[in-house]
Amino acid sequence: MKIWTPIPVETKKALERGECVGQTIQDSPWEVSVESVIGYEFVRDMQIKKTKIFPPSREAIPIVGWIKYMGESAHPNHDDDFLYAKTSDIEYVRLDVPREQIMLSDAIAWEFIMMGEYYSASDTLEALDIELENFRNLNVFERVYTIKRSWERAFDVDTYADFVFGSFWTIEPWMLIRGEESEI
């Protein structure tokens, strides 16, 4: 499966040297915060559950990339800073990752997960108002539980949706698409 993945420039150099690479929270495209650590723990558990593949190390977090952006097999313009908090040393690379290693998810939902926020199921403004009012009436423990349960919806993704992420554990050098094919 073709996927556009943001990785640090140093990670790309390691791939070009023939090294297999993974990702830790420090390599994450999001700023490290308490919320993102909790979010990545959740995603890590979902990655294991959905792919039946264990992480390569205790520190590993899933590597994330774009399957679809704006309905196309593409990635956001680097200057747009879409969904990513830090961009200075990150470069997009195109990969071909075996489908069985990838967990699909709604890319928009990742922002909620990484910020520790509730991810709504509503698709109309009226339903959203009711849903959020019910959420506000929960006690703190019910809110925490409800927030994490809401994140599970991110992984029931329509593969034809406009914004689809794929996540996986490692990048092998042979997965890197080089030359003109990497521009498609």
Protein backbone atom coordinates (compact mmCIF):
# COMPACT_ATOMS: atom_id res chain seq x y z
CA MET A 1 0.00 0.00 0.00
CA LYS A 2 1.38 3.39 -1.01
CA ILE A 3 1.76 5.85 1.85
CA TRP A 4 3.31 9.30 2.31
CA THR A 5 5.13 9.45 5.64
CA PRO A 6 6.66 12.46 7.39
CA ILE A 7 10.03 11.50 8.85
CA PRO A 8 13.00 13.43 10.21
CA VAL A 9 15.72 14.12 7.64
CA GLU A 10 18.16 12.01 9.68
CA THR A 11 15.75 9.07 9.52
CA LYS A 12 15.64 9.33 5.73
CA LYS A 13 19.43 9.30 5.62
CA ALA A 14 19.44 6.12 7.74
CA LEU A 15 17.01 4.48 5.30
CA GLU A 16 19.21 5.48 2.36
CA ARG A 17 22.16 3.85 4.16
CA GLY A 18 20.15 0.62 4.25
CA GLU A 19 19.04 0.74 7.90
CA CYS A 20 15.63 -0.34 9.16
CA VAL A 21 14.02 2.47 11.18
CA GLY A 22 11.28 2.82 13.74
CA GLN A 23 9.86 5.75 15.65
CA THR A 24 9.83 6.89 19.25
CA ILE A 25 7.78 9.64 20.85
CA GLN A 26 10.70 12.05 20.33
CA ASP A 27 10.51 11.43 16.55
CA SER A 28 6.77 12.04 16.44
CA PRO A 29 5.52 14.66 14.00
CA TRP A 30 3.49 16.17 16.88
CA GLU A 31 4.94 18.16 19.74
CA VAL A 32 5.47 15.93 22.75
CA SER A 33 2.91 16.63 25.47
CA VAL A 34 1.14 14.66 28.17
CA GLU A 35 -1.84 14.39 25.82
CA SER A 36 0.22 13.11 22.89
CA VAL A 37 1.93 10.50 25.09
CA ILE A 38 -1.49 9.26 26.25
CA GLY A 39 -2.74 9.38 22.66
CA TYR A 40 0.19 7.38 21.36
CA GLU A 41 -0.29 4.78 24.10
CA PHE A 42 -3.86 4.38 22.90
CA VAL A 43 -2.81 4.19 19.23
CA ARG A 44 -0.05 1.72 20.13
CA ASP A 45 -2.63 -0.60 21.73
CA MET A 46 -4.97 -0.25 18.73
CA GLN A 47 -2.07 -0.94 16.34
CA ILE A 48 -1.33 -4.22 18.12
CA LYS A 49 -5.02 -5.14 18.24
CA LYS A 50 -5.73 -4.34 14.57
CA THR A 51 -2.56 -5.71 12.92
CA LYS A 52 -1.64 -8.47 15.39
CA ILE A 53 1.96 -7.21 15.11
CA PHE A 54 3.91 -6.22 18.21
CA PRO A 55 6.14 -3.14 18.32
CA PRO A 56 9.86 -3.66 17.73
CA SER A 57 10.74 -2.17 21.14
CA ARG A 58 9.14 -0.84 24.33
CA GLU A 59 9.79 2.75 23.21
CA ALA A 60 8.32 2.29 19.72
CA ILE A 61 5.25 4.19 18.63
CA PRO A 62 3.46 3.68 15.33
CA ILE A 63 4.81 5.54 12.33
CA VAL A 64 2.00 7.46 10.67
CA GLY A 65 1.51 8.57 7.10
CA TRP A 66 -1.01 9.70 4.52
CA ILE A 67 -2.89 7.15 2.43
CA LYS A 68 -5.21 9.94 1.19
CA TYR A 69 -5.15 13.70 1.55
CA MET A 70 -8.03 15.72 0.06
CA GLY A 71 -9.21 12.51 -1.62
CA GLU A 72 -5.92 11.98 -3.46
CA SER A 73 -2.96 9.67 -2.90
CA ALA A 74 -0.92 12.61 -1.68
CA HIS A 75 0.21 14.53 1.40
CA PRO A 76 -0.34 18.09 2.60
CA ASN A 77 1.89 20.87 1.40
CA HIS A 78 4.77 21.01 3.89
CA ASP A 79 4.08 24.71 4.50
CA ASP A 80 0.45 24.04 5.45
CA ASP A 81 1.48 22.38 8.73
CA PHE A 82 -1.71 20.31 8.44
CA LEU A 83 -2.15 18.21 11.58
CA TYR A 84 1.48 18.54 12.56
CA ALA A 85 2.85 20.83 15.23
CA LYS A 86 6.50 20.68 14.21
CA THR A 87 7.83 20.68 10.67
CA SER A 88 11.37 22.08 10.63
CA ASP A 89 13.35 18.89 10.07
CA ILE A 90 10.60 16.69 8.65
CA GLU A 91 10.43 15.48 5.08
CA TYR A 92 7.74 13.41 3.34
CA VAL A 93 8.84 10.12 1.81
CA ARG A 94 6.73 7.77 -0.27
CA LEU A 95 6.66 4.17 0.89
CA ASP A 96 5.19 0.90 -0.25
CA VAL A 97 4.20 -0.91 2.96
CA PRO A 98 2.55 -4.35 2.93
CA ARG A 99 -1.18 -3.89 3.63
CA GLU A 100 -1.21 -6.42 6.48
CA GLN A 101 1.24 -4.21 8.41
CA ILE A 102 -0.92 -1.09 8.17
CA MET A 103 -3.72 0.10 10.44
CA LEU A 104 -6.02 2.55 8.66
CA SER A 105 -7.58 5.48 10.49
CA ASP A 106 -9.40 8.76 10.00
CA ALA A 107 -6.62 11.35 9.74
CA ILE A 108 -8.78 14.13 11.19
CA ALA A 109 -9.34 12.07 14.34
CA TRP A 110 -5.61 12.02 15.11
CA GLU A 111 -5.74 15.69 16.03
CA PHE A 112 -8.30 14.85 18.72
CA ILE A 113 -6.27 11.88 19.94
CA MET A 114 -2.99 13.81 20.10
CA MET A 115 -4.69 16.72 21.90
CA GLY A 116 -6.56 14.43 24.32
CA GLU A 117 -9.95 15.68 23.17
CA TYR A 118 -13.34 14.09 22.59
CA TYR A 119 -13.97 12.89 19.00
CA SER A 120 -17.61 13.38 18.09
CA ALA A 121 -19.70 10.84 16.24
CA SER A 122 -22.30 13.38 15.11
CA ASP A 123 -22.70 14.41 11.51
CA THR A 124 -25.15 17.29 11.95
CA LEU A 125 -24.93 20.45 14.03
CA GLU A 126 -28.09 19.58 15.96
CA ALA A 127 -26.81 16.12 16.87
CA LEU A 128 -23.41 17.59 17.77
CA ASP A 129 -24.99 20.08 20.17
CA ILE A 130 -26.88 17.27 21.94
CA GLU A 131 -23.81 15.03 22.03
CA LEU A 132 -21.57 17.76 23.48
CA GLU A 133 -24.20 18.78 26.03
CA ASN A 134 -24.39 15.16 27.22
CA PHE A 135 -20.59 15.05 27.36
CA ARG A 136 -20.41 18.24 29.45
CA ASN A 137 -22.82 16.71 31.97
CA LEU A 138 -20.53 13.76 32.69
CA ASN A 139 -18.32 13.64 35.77
CA VAL A 140 -14.53 13.73 35.30
CA PHE A 141 -14.11 9.94 35.35
CA GLU A 142 -16.91 9.39 32.86
CA ARG A 143 -15.39 12.05 30.61
CA VAL A 144 -11.99 10.35 30.55
CA TYR A 145 -13.62 7.02 29.72
CA THR A 146 -15.87 8.62 27.08
CA ILE A 147 -12.94 10.44 25.45
CA LYS A 148 -10.92 7.24 25.04
CA ARG A 149 -13.98 5.36 23.75
CA SER A 150 -14.58 8.16 21.24
CA TRP A 151 -11.09 7.63 19.82
CA GLU A 152 -11.98 4.08 18.81
CA ARG A 153 -14.18 5.55 16.04
CA ALA A 154 -11.02 6.82 14.34
CA PHE A 155 -10.16 3.26 13.34
CA ASP A 156 -13.49 2.43 11.70
CA VAL A 157 -12.44 4.25 8.57
CA ASP A 158 -13.94 4.38 5.12
CA THR A 159 -11.02 3.73 2.76
CA TYR A 160 -12.69 6.06 0.24
CA ALA A 161 -12.76 8.97 2.69
CA ASP A 162 -10.83 12.15 1.89
CA PHE A 163 -8.40 12.04 4.82
CA VAL A 164 -6.99 8.58 5.60
CA PHE A 165 -3.91 7.76 7.67
CA GLY A 166 -2.03 4.52 7.77
CA SER A 167 0.20 3.54 10.67
CA PHE A 168 2.79 0.79 10.99
CA TRP A 169 5.81 -0.11 13.14
CA THR A 170 8.96 0.05 11.02
CA ILE A 171 10.27 1.20 7.68
CA GLU A 172 12.54 -1.19 5.83
CA PRO A 173 14.87 0.32 3.21
CA TRP A 174 13.14 -1.67 0.43
CA MET A 175 9.85 0.14 1.26
CA LEU A 176 11.27 3.52 0.20
CA ILE A 177 10.01 4.50 -3.26
CA ARG A 178 12.74 6.29 -5.15
CA GLY A 179 12.96 8.40 -8.28
CA GLU A 180 10.01 9.63 -10.32
CA GLU A 181 7.63 7.13 -8.72
CA SER A 182 8.09 8.92 -5.38
CA GLU A 183 6.60 12.09 -6.89
CA ILE A 184 3.25 10.53 -7.91
